[in-house]
Amino acid sequence: KSFVASYQLNLDAPIVPDYGLGGLTVRTKLIHVQHLLEGLGSFNSRSYELSTPVEARYRFGAGEIEVGVDVRNGKIARLVARHGYKGALFERYSSV
């Protein structure tokens, strides 16, 4: 199994501030999660946009996970749990 394929979305994964959520981690290079980008924006609920001149924003699932990528270095800079995310924050159940 390749390193790239080991990143899978998990809407129940714990939220760890300044580390990760949903099975993703900050500071990961986009190339390591590129398999998650396949089909974005084409007939499904996942989407992407250039939100600022230096940040691309991707939404996964039905929008429960938002990923901000710094286009200058290609790394995940920001992870956001949105409505419907089920992971826990500080060991408490969360339904953002």
N, C-alpha and C. Protein backbone atom coordinates (compact mmCIF):
# COMPACT_ATOMS: atom_id res chain seq x y z
N LYS A 1 0.85 -1.18 0.00
CA LYS A 1 0.00 0.00 0.00
C LYS A 1 0.90 1.24 0.00
N SER A 2 0.60 2.17 -0.87
CA SER A 2 1.46 3.35 -0.97
C SER A 2 1.17 4.36 0.14
N PHE A 3 2.13 5.22 0.39
CA PHE A 3 1.99 6.27 1.39
C PHE A 3 0.84 7.20 1.04
N VAL A 4 0.72 7.53 -0.23
CA VAL A 4 -0.33 8.43 -0.69
C VAL A 4 -1.71 7.87 -0.37
N ALA A 5 -1.93 6.60 -0.61
CA ALA A 5 -3.24 6.00 -0.41
C ALA A 5 -3.60 5.85 1.07
N SER A 6 -2.65 6.05 1.99
CA SER A 6 -2.94 5.87 3.41
C SER A 6 -3.79 7.01 3.98
N TYR A 7 -3.90 8.13 3.28
CA TYR A 7 -4.75 9.23 3.74
C TYR A 7 -6.17 9.01 3.27
N GLN A 8 -7.07 8.77 4.21
CA GLN A 8 -8.47 8.57 3.89
C GLN A 8 -9.30 9.48 4.79
N LEU A 9 -10.40 9.99 4.27
CA LEU A 9 -11.27 10.84 5.07
C LEU A 9 -12.03 10.02 6.10
N ASN A 10 -12.17 10.59 7.30
CA ASN A 10 -12.89 9.94 8.38
C ASN A 10 -13.62 11.03 9.16
N LEU A 11 -14.92 11.13 8.96
CA LEU A 11 -15.71 12.19 9.60
C LEU A 11 -15.88 11.99 11.09
N ASP A 12 -15.43 10.86 11.62
CA ASP A 12 -15.51 10.58 13.05
C ASP A 12 -14.17 10.73 13.75
N ALA A 13 -13.11 11.06 13.01
CA ALA A 13 -11.78 11.17 13.60
C ALA A 13 -11.72 12.34 14.58
N PRO A 14 -10.94 12.21 15.66
CA PRO A 14 -10.82 13.30 16.63
C PRO A 14 -10.25 14.56 15.98
N ILE A 15 -10.61 15.70 16.55
CA ILE A 15 -10.05 16.99 16.14
C ILE A 15 -8.89 17.28 17.08
N VAL A 16 -7.70 17.42 16.53
CA VAL A 16 -6.50 17.71 17.33
C VAL A 16 -5.99 19.07 16.88
N PRO A 17 -6.18 20.12 17.72
CA PRO A 17 -5.75 21.47 17.32
C PRO A 17 -4.29 21.51 16.88
N ASP A 18 -4.03 22.26 15.82
CA ASP A 18 -2.71 22.44 15.22
C ASP A 18 -2.07 21.13 14.78
N TYR A 19 -2.91 20.11 14.57
CA TYR A 19 -2.39 18.85 14.04
C TYR A 19 -3.26 18.29 12.92
N GLY A 20 -4.53 18.02 13.21
CA GLY A 20 -5.34 17.46 12.16
C GLY A 20 -6.77 17.14 12.55
N LEU A 21 -7.52 16.73 11.53
CA LEU A 21 -8.89 16.25 11.69
C LEU A 21 -9.29 15.49 10.46
N GLY A 22 -10.27 14.64 10.61
CA GLY A 22 -10.80 13.92 9.46
C GLY A 22 -9.85 12.95 8.80
N GLY A 23 -8.76 12.58 9.46
CA GLY A 23 -7.76 11.72 8.85
C GLY A 23 -6.69 12.48 8.09
N LEU A 24 -6.75 13.82 8.13
CA LEU A 24 -5.76 14.67 7.46
C LEU A 24 -4.94 15.42 8.50
N THR A 25 -3.73 15.82 8.12
CA THR A 25 -2.89 16.59 9.03
C THR A 25 -2.39 17.85 8.34
N VAL A 26 -2.23 18.90 9.15
CA VAL A 26 -1.70 20.15 8.61
C VAL A 26 -0.23 19.94 8.24
N ARG A 27 0.25 20.73 7.31
CA ARG A 27 1.61 20.70 6.81
C ARG A 27 1.91 19.47 5.94
N THR A 28 0.88 18.72 5.57
CA THR A 28 1.03 17.61 4.64
C THR A 28 1.04 18.18 3.23
N LYS A 29 1.93 17.68 2.39
CA LYS A 29 1.95 18.14 1.00
C LYS A 29 0.72 17.64 0.26
N LEU A 30 0.16 18.50 -0.55
CA LEU A 30 -1.04 18.19 -1.32
C LEU A 30 -0.87 16.93 -2.16
N ILE A 31 0.32 16.69 -2.66
CA ILE A 31 0.56 15.51 -3.49
C ILE A 31 0.25 14.22 -2.74
N HIS A 32 0.37 14.23 -1.41
CA HIS A 32 0.09 13.03 -0.62
C HIS A 32 -1.40 12.76 -0.45
N VAL A 33 -2.23 13.73 -0.76
CA VAL A 33 -3.68 13.53 -0.66
C VAL A 33 -4.36 13.77 -2.01
N GLN A 34 -3.60 13.79 -3.08
CA GLN A 34 -4.15 14.11 -4.40
C GLN A 34 -5.24 13.13 -4.83
N HIS A 35 -5.21 11.90 -4.35
CA HIS A 35 -6.27 10.95 -4.70
C HIS A 35 -7.63 11.41 -4.18
N LEU A 36 -7.65 12.24 -3.14
CA LEU A 36 -8.90 12.77 -2.61
C LEU A 36 -9.47 13.88 -3.50
N LEU A 37 -8.63 14.44 -4.35
CA LEU A 37 -9.05 15.54 -5.21
C LEU A 37 -9.70 15.07 -6.51
N GLU A 38 -9.59 13.81 -6.83
CA GLU A 38 -10.13 13.29 -8.08
C GLU A 38 -11.63 13.54 -8.15
N GLY A 39 -12.06 14.16 -9.22
CA GLY A 39 -13.48 14.40 -9.45
C GLY A 39 -14.05 15.62 -8.75
N LEU A 40 -13.22 16.42 -8.10
CA LEU A 40 -13.73 17.60 -7.41
C LEU A 40 -14.45 18.51 -8.40
N GLY A 41 -15.63 18.93 -8.02
CA GLY A 41 -16.37 19.89 -8.83
C GLY A 41 -17.10 19.31 -10.01
N SER A 42 -16.96 18.02 -10.25
CA SER A 42 -17.65 17.43 -11.40
C SER A 42 -18.76 16.49 -10.93
N PHE A 43 -19.95 17.02 -10.84
CA PHE A 43 -21.14 16.25 -10.51
C PHE A 43 -21.11 15.61 -9.13
N ASN A 44 -20.51 16.26 -8.16
CA ASN A 44 -20.58 15.77 -6.78
C ASN A 44 -20.53 16.95 -5.82
N SER A 45 -20.70 16.66 -4.53
CA SER A 45 -20.80 17.74 -3.55
C SER A 45 -19.45 18.31 -3.13
N ARG A 46 -18.36 17.64 -3.50
CA ARG A 46 -17.04 18.17 -3.16
C ARG A 46 -16.74 19.34 -4.09
N SER A 47 -15.95 20.30 -3.60
CA SER A 47 -15.66 21.46 -4.43
C SER A 47 -14.30 22.04 -4.09
N TYR A 48 -13.90 23.04 -4.89
CA TYR A 48 -12.65 23.74 -4.64
C TYR A 48 -12.78 25.16 -5.17
N GLU A 49 -11.92 26.04 -4.65
CA GLU A 49 -11.88 27.43 -5.12
C GLU A 49 -10.55 28.05 -4.72
N LEU A 50 -10.16 29.07 -5.42
CA LEU A 50 -9.01 29.86 -5.02
C LEU A 50 -9.58 30.96 -4.14
N SER A 51 -9.40 30.84 -2.81
CA SER A 51 -10.05 31.76 -1.87
C SER A 51 -9.28 33.05 -1.68
N THR A 52 -7.97 33.01 -1.79
CA THR A 52 -7.12 34.19 -1.77
C THR A 52 -6.03 33.94 -2.81
N PRO A 53 -5.22 34.93 -3.12
CA PRO A 53 -4.15 34.68 -4.10
C PRO A 53 -3.16 33.59 -3.68
N VAL A 54 -3.11 33.27 -2.37
CA VAL A 54 -2.14 32.27 -1.92
C VAL A 54 -2.78 31.05 -1.28
N GLU A 55 -4.12 30.94 -1.28
CA GLU A 55 -4.77 29.78 -0.67
C GLU A 55 -5.85 29.19 -1.56
N ALA A 56 -5.74 27.90 -1.79
CA ALA A 56 -6.79 27.14 -2.46
C ALA A 56 -7.59 26.43 -1.37
N ARG A 57 -8.89 26.42 -1.52
CA ARG A 57 -9.77 25.81 -0.52
C ARG A 57 -10.51 24.64 -1.15
N TYR A 58 -10.47 23.50 -0.48
CA TYR A 58 -11.14 22.28 -0.94
C TYR A 58 -12.17 21.88 0.11
N ARG A 59 -13.34 21.40 -0.33
CA ARG A 59 -14.38 20.90 0.58
C ARG A 59 -14.65 19.45 0.23
N PHE A 60 -14.65 18.61 1.28
CA PHE A 60 -14.83 17.18 1.09
C PHE A 60 -16.10 16.70 1.79
N GLY A 61 -16.49 15.48 1.44
CA GLY A 61 -17.74 14.91 1.94
C GLY A 61 -18.87 15.76 1.40
N ALA A 62 -19.80 16.10 2.26
CA ALA A 62 -20.89 17.01 1.89
C ALA A 62 -20.56 18.40 2.43
N GLY A 63 -19.27 18.70 2.53
CA GLY A 63 -18.82 19.99 3.04
C GLY A 63 -18.39 19.94 4.48
N GLU A 64 -18.35 18.77 5.10
CA GLU A 64 -17.98 18.65 6.51
C GLU A 64 -16.52 18.98 6.78
N ILE A 65 -15.65 18.77 5.81
CA ILE A 65 -14.22 19.06 5.97
C ILE A 65 -13.80 20.07 4.92
N GLU A 66 -13.16 21.14 5.40
CA GLU A 66 -12.61 22.15 4.50
C GLU A 66 -11.10 22.19 4.69
N VAL A 67 -10.38 22.19 3.59
CA VAL A 67 -8.92 22.15 3.62
C VAL A 67 -8.39 23.38 2.90
N GLY A 68 -7.55 24.16 3.58
CA GLY A 68 -6.88 25.30 2.98
C GLY A 68 -5.45 24.93 2.66
N VAL A 69 -5.06 25.09 1.39
CA VAL A 69 -3.71 24.72 0.95
C VAL A 69 -2.97 25.98 0.51
N ASP A 70 -1.77 26.17 1.03
CA ASP A 70 -0.91 27.28 0.63
C ASP A 70 -0.35 26.95 -0.75
N VAL A 71 -0.75 27.71 -1.75
CA VAL A 71 -0.32 27.40 -3.12
C VAL A 71 1.16 27.67 -3.34
N ARG A 72 1.80 28.42 -2.44
CA ARG A 72 3.23 28.69 -2.61
C ARG A 72 4.09 27.48 -2.30
N ASN A 73 3.67 26.66 -1.32
CA ASN A 73 4.49 25.50 -0.99
C ASN A 73 3.75 24.18 -1.16
N GLY A 74 2.44 24.24 -1.49
CA GLY A 74 1.67 23.03 -1.73
C GLY A 74 1.31 22.24 -0.50
N LYS A 75 1.34 22.86 0.68
CA LYS A 75 1.05 22.15 1.93
C LYS A 75 -0.29 22.58 2.50
N ILE A 76 -0.91 21.63 3.21
CA ILE A 76 -2.15 21.94 3.92
C ILE A 76 -1.82 22.91 5.04
N ALA A 77 -2.46 24.09 5.01
CA ALA A 77 -2.19 25.12 6.00
C ALA A 77 -3.32 25.24 7.03
N ARG A 78 -4.51 24.76 6.63
CA ARG A 78 -5.67 24.96 7.50
C ARG A 78 -6.66 23.83 7.28
N LEU A 79 -7.21 23.33 8.39
CA LEU A 79 -8.27 22.33 8.35
C LEU A 79 -9.45 22.84 9.16
N VAL A 80 -10.65 22.73 8.60
CA VAL A 80 -11.85 23.25 9.27
C VAL A 80 -12.91 22.16 9.29
N ALA A 81 -13.48 21.92 10.48
CA ALA A 81 -14.63 21.01 10.62
C ALA A 81 -15.89 21.84 10.45
N ARG A 82 -16.76 21.43 9.56
CA ARG A 82 -18.01 22.14 9.28
C ARG A 82 -19.20 21.32 9.77
N HIS A 83 -20.38 21.88 9.57
CA HIS A 83 -21.61 21.23 10.00
C HIS A 83 -21.67 19.78 9.53
N GLY A 84 -21.96 18.88 10.45
CA GLY A 84 -22.04 17.46 10.12
C GLY A 84 -20.81 16.66 10.48
N TYR A 85 -19.71 17.34 10.83
CA TYR A 85 -18.50 16.62 11.24
C TYR A 85 -18.76 16.00 12.61
N LYS A 86 -18.42 14.74 12.79
CA LYS A 86 -18.77 14.00 14.01
C LYS A 86 -17.61 13.78 14.97
N GLY A 87 -16.41 14.19 14.62
CA GLY A 87 -15.25 13.94 15.46
C GLY A 87 -15.29 14.69 16.78
N ALA A 88 -14.53 14.22 17.73
CA ALA A 88 -14.49 14.80 19.06
C ALA A 88 -13.37 15.82 19.18
N LEU A 89 -13.62 16.85 19.97
CA LEU A 89 -12.62 17.86 20.30
C LEU A 89 -12.42 17.81 21.81
N PHE A 90 -11.19 17.59 22.25
CA PHE A 90 -10.87 17.46 23.68
C PHE A 90 -11.71 16.37 24.33
N GLU A 91 -11.85 15.24 23.60
CA GLU A 91 -12.54 14.04 24.06
C GLU A 91 -14.03 14.26 24.32
N ARG A 92 -14.61 15.30 23.76
CA ARG A 92 -16.04 15.52 23.85
C ARG A 92 -16.64 15.29 22.48
N TYR A 93 -17.85 14.78 22.47
CA TYR A 93 -18.53 14.55 21.19
C TYR A 93 -18.84 15.90 20.56
N SER A 94 -18.63 15.99 19.28
CA SER A 94 -18.85 17.24 18.58
C SER A 94 -19.71 17.00 17.36
N SER A 95 -20.68 17.84 17.16
CA SER A 95 -21.43 17.85 15.92
C SER A 95 -21.48 19.29 15.48
N VAL A 96 -20.40 19.71 14.81
CA VAL A 96 -20.22 21.10 14.43
C VAL A 96 -21.35 21.56 13.56
